[in-house]
C-alpha cells in the first residue's frame, strides 16, 4: 500500500496522484488545516483525456470543508490505469492537505 500526501498551495487543480501501472485507490482524505472554511473539487482523469480538470471528469464539486475539518472519501473500487490522474482544486491556497492511499492491482 502506498500513501501520497499533497498540500494544495494554489487554487489551481493540483495533481495529487499519478498512477504507475494499474492501481486501486482505497481512500482519499481532504483535511482543512486552517481556521477558515474552504472547498475542494476532485477530478479523476483518464491518461488519454484532453479535457483535464473539467466538468466531464469531476467526481466531487465544491465539497465544503469547515475550519479544521477532514472529509474522508472511501472508495469501493476506483481502479486507475498507468498515467491516470487524480487532481484536487482548493478554493483557498494552503488550506487543504490531500492524502491518497493506493494499492497495486
N, C-alpha and C. Protein backbone atom coordinates (compact mmCIF):
# COMPACT_ATOMS: atom_id res chain seq x y z
N UNK A 1 0.85 -1.18 0.00
CA UNK A 1 0.00 0.00 0.00
C UNK A 1 0.89 1.23 0.00
N UNK A 2 0.47 2.25 -0.74
CA UNK A 2 1.22 3.49 -0.83
C UNK A 2 0.37 4.66 -0.36
N UNK A 3 1.05 5.65 0.19
CA UNK A 3 0.37 6.86 0.65
C UNK A 3 1.04 8.06 -0.01
N UNK A 4 0.23 8.96 -0.60
CA UNK A 4 0.74 10.20 -1.19
C UNK A 4 0.08 11.36 -0.45
N UNK A 5 0.89 12.28 0.07
CA UNK A 5 0.38 13.49 0.74
C UNK A 5 0.73 14.70 -0.10
N UNK A 6 -0.24 15.59 -0.31
CA UNK A 6 -0.02 16.80 -1.09
C UNK A 6 -0.70 17.97 -0.42
N UNK A 7 0.05 19.04 -0.20
CA UNK A 7 -0.51 20.30 0.30
C UNK A 7 -0.90 21.12 -0.92
N UNK A 8 -2.14 21.58 -0.98
CA UNK A 8 -2.61 22.37 -2.13
C UNK A 8 -2.21 23.82 -1.92
N UNK A 9 -1.08 24.21 -2.52
CA UNK A 9 -0.51 25.53 -2.28
C UNK A 9 -1.07 26.61 -3.21
N UNK A 10 -1.90 26.22 -4.17
CA UNK A 10 -2.54 27.18 -5.08
C UNK A 10 -4.02 26.87 -5.17
N UNK A 11 -4.73 27.69 -5.92
CA UNK A 11 -6.16 27.43 -6.15
C UNK A 11 -6.39 26.75 -7.50
N UNK A 12 -5.32 26.41 -8.20
CA UNK A 12 -5.44 25.65 -9.44
C UNK A 12 -5.57 24.17 -9.16
N UNK A 13 -6.05 23.41 -10.12
CA UNK A 13 -6.15 21.96 -9.97
C UNK A 13 -4.74 21.38 -9.87
N UNK A 14 -4.48 20.65 -8.79
CA UNK A 14 -3.15 20.11 -8.50
C UNK A 14 -3.19 18.59 -8.57
N UNK A 15 -2.22 17.99 -9.25
CA UNK A 15 -2.13 16.53 -9.29
C UNK A 15 -1.74 16.01 -7.91
N UNK A 16 -2.59 15.15 -7.35
CA UNK A 16 -2.31 14.55 -6.05
C UNK A 16 -2.00 13.06 -6.16
N UNK A 17 -2.27 12.48 -7.37
CA UNK A 17 -1.95 11.08 -7.61
C UNK A 17 -1.79 10.84 -9.10
N UNK A 18 -0.69 10.17 -9.46
CA UNK A 18 -0.38 9.80 -10.84
C UNK A 18 -0.11 8.30 -10.84
N UNK A 19 -1.03 7.53 -11.41
CA UNK A 19 -0.93 6.07 -11.35
C UNK A 19 0.27 5.55 -12.13
N UNK A 20 0.92 4.57 -11.55
CA UNK A 20 2.02 3.84 -12.19
C UNK A 20 1.54 2.40 -12.32
N UNK A 21 1.27 1.97 -13.54
CA UNK A 21 0.64 0.66 -13.74
C UNK A 21 -0.81 0.76 -13.28
N UNK A 22 -1.43 -0.38 -13.02
CA UNK A 22 -2.80 -0.37 -12.51
C UNK A 22 -2.76 -0.26 -11.00
N UNK A 23 -3.53 0.69 -10.46
CA UNK A 23 -3.59 0.89 -9.02
C UNK A 23 -5.03 1.11 -8.58
N UNK A 24 -5.34 0.62 -7.40
CA UNK A 24 -6.66 0.83 -6.82
C UNK A 24 -6.53 1.88 -5.72
N UNK A 25 -7.42 2.85 -5.77
CA UNK A 25 -7.46 3.87 -4.72
C UNK A 25 -8.38 3.34 -3.63
N UNK A 26 -7.89 3.34 -2.40
CA UNK A 26 -8.68 2.81 -1.28
C UNK A 26 -9.38 3.92 -0.50
N UNK A 27 -8.73 5.07 -0.37
CA UNK A 27 -9.33 6.18 0.38
C UNK A 27 -8.61 7.48 0.02
N UNK A 28 -9.36 8.58 0.10
CA UNK A 28 -8.78 9.92 -0.06
C UNK A 28 -9.24 10.74 1.14
N UNK A 29 -8.29 11.39 1.80
CA UNK A 29 -8.58 12.29 2.91
C UNK A 29 -8.36 13.72 2.46
N UNK A 30 -9.31 14.58 2.72
CA UNK A 30 -9.19 16.01 2.46
C UNK A 30 -9.23 16.70 3.82
N UNK A 31 -8.12 17.29 4.23
CA UNK A 31 -8.01 17.86 5.57
C UNK A 31 -7.79 19.37 5.49
N UNK A 32 -8.73 20.13 6.03
CA UNK A 32 -8.59 21.57 6.15
C UNK A 32 -7.80 21.84 7.42
N UNK A 33 -6.60 22.34 7.28
CA UNK A 33 -5.72 22.56 8.43
C UNK A 33 -5.72 24.02 8.88
N UNK A 34 -6.72 24.78 8.45
CA UNK A 34 -6.77 26.20 8.80
C UNK A 34 -8.03 26.52 9.60
N UNK A 35 -8.14 27.77 10.03
CA UNK A 35 -9.32 28.22 10.77
C UNK A 35 -10.34 28.87 9.83
N UNK A 36 -10.13 28.72 8.53
CA UNK A 36 -11.02 29.27 7.51
C UNK A 36 -11.69 28.13 6.75
N UNK A 37 -12.98 28.24 6.50
CA UNK A 37 -13.68 27.26 5.67
C UNK A 37 -13.20 27.38 4.23
N UNK A 38 -13.19 26.25 3.51
CA UNK A 38 -12.82 26.26 2.09
C UNK A 38 -13.52 25.09 1.42
N UNK A 39 -13.39 25.02 0.09
CA UNK A 39 -14.00 23.92 -0.65
C UNK A 39 -12.94 23.20 -1.47
N UNK A 40 -13.27 21.95 -1.82
CA UNK A 40 -12.39 21.14 -2.66
C UNK A 40 -13.20 20.54 -3.80
N UNK A 41 -12.61 20.55 -4.99
CA UNK A 41 -13.20 19.91 -6.16
C UNK A 41 -12.23 18.82 -6.60
N UNK A 42 -12.75 17.60 -6.82
CA UNK A 42 -11.91 16.44 -7.12
C UNK A 42 -12.20 15.96 -8.55
N UNK A 43 -11.11 15.70 -9.29
CA UNK A 43 -11.19 15.23 -10.67
C UNK A 43 -10.47 13.89 -10.79
N UNK A 44 -11.04 12.95 -11.56
CA UNK A 44 -10.37 11.69 -11.91
C UNK A 44 -10.23 11.70 -13.41
N UNK A 45 -8.98 11.66 -13.90
CA UNK A 45 -8.69 11.94 -15.30
C UNK A 45 -8.00 10.76 -15.97
N UNK A 46 -8.62 10.25 -17.04
CA UNK A 46 -8.02 9.20 -17.85
C UNK A 46 -6.79 9.77 -18.56
N UNK A 47 -5.75 8.96 -18.69
CA UNK A 47 -4.49 9.43 -19.27
C UNK A 47 -4.65 9.97 -20.69
N UNK A 48 -5.64 9.52 -21.43
CA UNK A 48 -5.85 9.97 -22.80
C UNK A 48 -6.84 11.12 -22.92
N UNK A 49 -7.32 11.63 -21.78
CA UNK A 49 -8.35 12.67 -21.79
C UNK A 49 -7.72 14.05 -21.92
N UNK A 50 -8.05 14.76 -22.99
CA UNK A 50 -7.52 16.10 -23.21
C UNK A 50 -8.32 17.18 -22.50
N UNK A 51 -9.37 16.81 -21.76
CA UNK A 51 -10.21 17.80 -21.07
C UNK A 51 -9.91 17.82 -19.58
N UNK A 52 -8.67 17.64 -19.22
CA UNK A 52 -8.28 17.55 -17.81
C UNK A 52 -8.87 18.69 -16.98
N UNK A 53 -9.28 18.35 -15.78
CA UNK A 53 -9.83 19.30 -14.81
C UNK A 53 -11.04 20.04 -15.34
N UNK A 54 -11.93 19.31 -15.99
CA UNK A 54 -13.17 19.90 -16.49
C UNK A 54 -14.36 19.19 -15.86
N UNK A 55 -15.54 19.69 -16.12
CA UNK A 55 -16.75 19.07 -15.56
C UNK A 55 -16.92 17.63 -16.02
N UNK A 56 -16.34 17.26 -17.16
CA UNK A 56 -16.51 15.90 -17.68
C UNK A 56 -15.77 14.85 -16.85
N UNK A 57 -14.81 15.25 -16.02
CA UNK A 57 -14.12 14.27 -15.17
C UNK A 57 -14.13 14.67 -13.70
N UNK A 58 -15.10 15.48 -13.32
CA UNK A 58 -15.26 15.91 -11.93
C UNK A 58 -16.05 14.85 -11.17
N UNK A 59 -15.57 14.45 -9.98
CA UNK A 59 -16.30 13.48 -9.17
C UNK A 59 -16.86 14.11 -7.89
N UNK A 60 -16.28 15.20 -7.43
CA UNK A 60 -16.82 15.98 -6.31
C UNK A 60 -16.69 17.45 -6.69
N UNK A 61 -17.76 18.21 -6.53
CA UNK A 61 -17.75 19.62 -6.88
C UNK A 61 -17.96 20.47 -5.64
N UNK A 62 -16.98 21.31 -5.36
CA UNK A 62 -17.03 22.25 -4.25
C UNK A 62 -17.49 21.61 -2.94
N UNK A 63 -16.80 20.56 -2.57
CA UNK A 63 -17.06 19.87 -1.31
C UNK A 63 -16.65 20.79 -0.16
N UNK A 64 -17.59 21.14 0.71
CA UNK A 64 -17.32 22.08 1.80
C UNK A 64 -16.52 21.43 2.91
N UNK A 65 -15.48 22.13 3.34
CA UNK A 65 -14.67 21.69 4.47
C UNK A 65 -14.66 22.82 5.50
N UNK A 66 -15.26 22.59 6.64
CA UNK A 66 -15.25 23.59 7.71
C UNK A 66 -13.82 23.74 8.24
N UNK A 67 -13.60 24.78 8.98
CA UNK A 67 -12.29 25.00 9.59
C UNK A 67 -11.87 23.77 10.39
N UNK A 68 -10.63 23.34 10.20
CA UNK A 68 -10.04 22.21 10.93
C UNK A 68 -10.82 20.90 10.78
N UNK A 69 -11.50 20.72 9.66
CA UNK A 69 -12.29 19.51 9.42
C UNK A 69 -11.62 18.60 8.40
N UNK A 70 -11.96 17.32 8.46
CA UNK A 70 -11.47 16.34 7.49
C UNK A 70 -12.66 15.64 6.86
N UNK A 71 -12.59 15.46 5.54
CA UNK A 71 -13.60 14.69 4.83
C UNK A 71 -12.92 13.44 4.27
N UNK A 72 -13.53 12.29 4.50
CA UNK A 72 -12.97 11.02 4.04
C UNK A 72 -13.81 10.53 2.86
N UNK A 73 -13.12 10.27 1.74
CA UNK A 73 -13.77 9.70 0.56
C UNK A 73 -13.34 8.24 0.48
N UNK A 74 -14.22 7.34 0.89
CA UNK A 74 -13.93 5.90 0.83
C UNK A 74 -14.27 5.39 -0.56
N UNK A 75 -13.37 4.63 -1.13
CA UNK A 75 -13.57 4.13 -2.49
C UNK A 75 -13.99 2.67 -2.44
N UNK A 76 -15.06 2.35 -3.17
CA UNK A 76 -15.44 0.95 -3.32
C UNK A 76 -14.36 0.23 -4.12
N UNK A 77 -14.12 0.68 -5.32
CA UNK A 77 -13.04 0.17 -6.17
C UNK A 77 -12.81 1.16 -7.29
N UNK A 78 -11.94 2.10 -7.07
CA UNK A 78 -11.57 3.04 -8.12
C UNK A 78 -10.24 2.57 -8.68
N UNK A 79 -10.27 1.95 -9.86
CA UNK A 79 -9.08 1.39 -10.48
C UNK A 79 -8.56 2.38 -11.52
N UNK A 80 -7.30 2.74 -11.38
CA UNK A 80 -6.67 3.65 -12.32
C UNK A 80 -5.63 2.89 -13.14
N UNK A 81 -5.55 3.23 -14.42
CA UNK A 81 -4.52 2.67 -15.30
C UNK A 81 -3.30 3.58 -15.28
N UNK A 82 -2.23 3.11 -15.89
CA UNK A 82 -0.98 3.85 -15.97
C UNK A 82 -1.21 5.29 -16.45
N UNK A 83 -0.68 6.24 -15.73
CA UNK A 83 -0.75 7.68 -16.03
C UNK A 83 -2.12 8.32 -15.86
N UNK A 84 -3.12 7.60 -15.34
CA UNK A 84 -4.37 8.25 -14.96
C UNK A 84 -4.07 9.13 -13.75
N UNK A 85 -4.84 10.21 -13.61
CA UNK A 85 -4.55 11.20 -12.56
C UNK A 85 -5.73 11.44 -11.65
N UNK A 86 -5.42 11.84 -10.43
CA UNK A 86 -6.40 12.45 -9.54
C UNK A 86 -5.87 13.85 -9.26
N UNK A 87 -6.74 14.84 -9.51
CA UNK A 87 -6.39 16.23 -9.23
C UNK A 87 -7.41 16.80 -8.27
N UNK A 88 -6.96 17.73 -7.43
CA UNK A 88 -7.86 18.40 -6.49
C UNK A 88 -7.61 19.90 -6.60
N UNK A 89 -8.71 20.64 -6.57
CA UNK A 89 -8.64 22.10 -6.63
C UNK A 89 -9.25 22.66 -5.36
N UNK A 90 -8.52 23.53 -4.68
CA UNK A 90 -9.00 24.17 -3.46
C UNK A 90 -9.46 25.59 -3.75
N UNK A 91 -10.43 26.06 -2.99
CA UNK A 91 -10.91 27.44 -3.15
C UNK A 91 -9.97 28.45 -2.51
N UNK A 92 -9.14 27.97 -1.58
CA UNK A 92 -8.19 28.83 -0.87
C UNK A 92 -6.83 28.14 -0.86
N UNK A 93 -5.79 28.86 -1.24
CA UNK A 93 -4.44 28.28 -1.24
C UNK A 93 -4.00 27.96 0.19
N UNK A 94 -3.24 26.88 0.34
CA UNK A 94 -2.68 26.44 1.62
C UNK A 94 -3.73 26.14 2.68
N UNK A 95 -4.89 25.69 2.25
CA UNK A 95 -5.98 25.37 3.16
C UNK A 95 -6.12 23.86 3.35
N UNK A 96 -5.85 23.09 2.29
CA UNK A 96 -6.16 21.65 2.30
C UNK A 96 -4.91 20.81 2.06
N UNK A 97 -4.80 19.74 2.85
CA UNK A 97 -3.83 18.69 2.60
C UNK A 97 -4.60 17.46 2.16
N UNK A 98 -4.16 16.84 1.05
CA UNK A 98 -4.82 15.67 0.49
C UNK A 98 -3.93 14.45 0.71
N UNK A 99 -4.50 13.38 1.22
CA UNK A 99 -3.80 12.11 1.37
C UNK A 99 -4.54 11.06 0.56
N UNK A 100 -3.80 10.38 -0.34
CA UNK A 100 -4.37 9.33 -1.18
C UNK A 100 -3.69 8.02 -0.81
N UNK A 101 -4.49 7.02 -0.53
CA UNK A 101 -3.97 5.68 -0.25
C UNK A 101 -4.30 4.78 -1.44
N UNK A 102 -3.29 4.03 -1.91
CA UNK A 102 -3.50 3.17 -3.08
C UNK A 102 -2.78 1.84 -2.89
N UNK A 103 -3.15 0.90 -3.75
CA UNK A 103 -2.51 -0.41 -3.75
C UNK A 103 -2.42 -0.89 -5.21
N UNK A 104 -1.32 -1.53 -5.54
CA UNK A 104 -1.15 -2.05 -6.90
C UNK A 104 -2.13 -3.19 -7.14
N UNK A 105 -2.63 -3.26 -8.37
CA UNK A 105 -3.60 -4.31 -8.73
C UNK A 105 -2.88 -5.40 -9.49
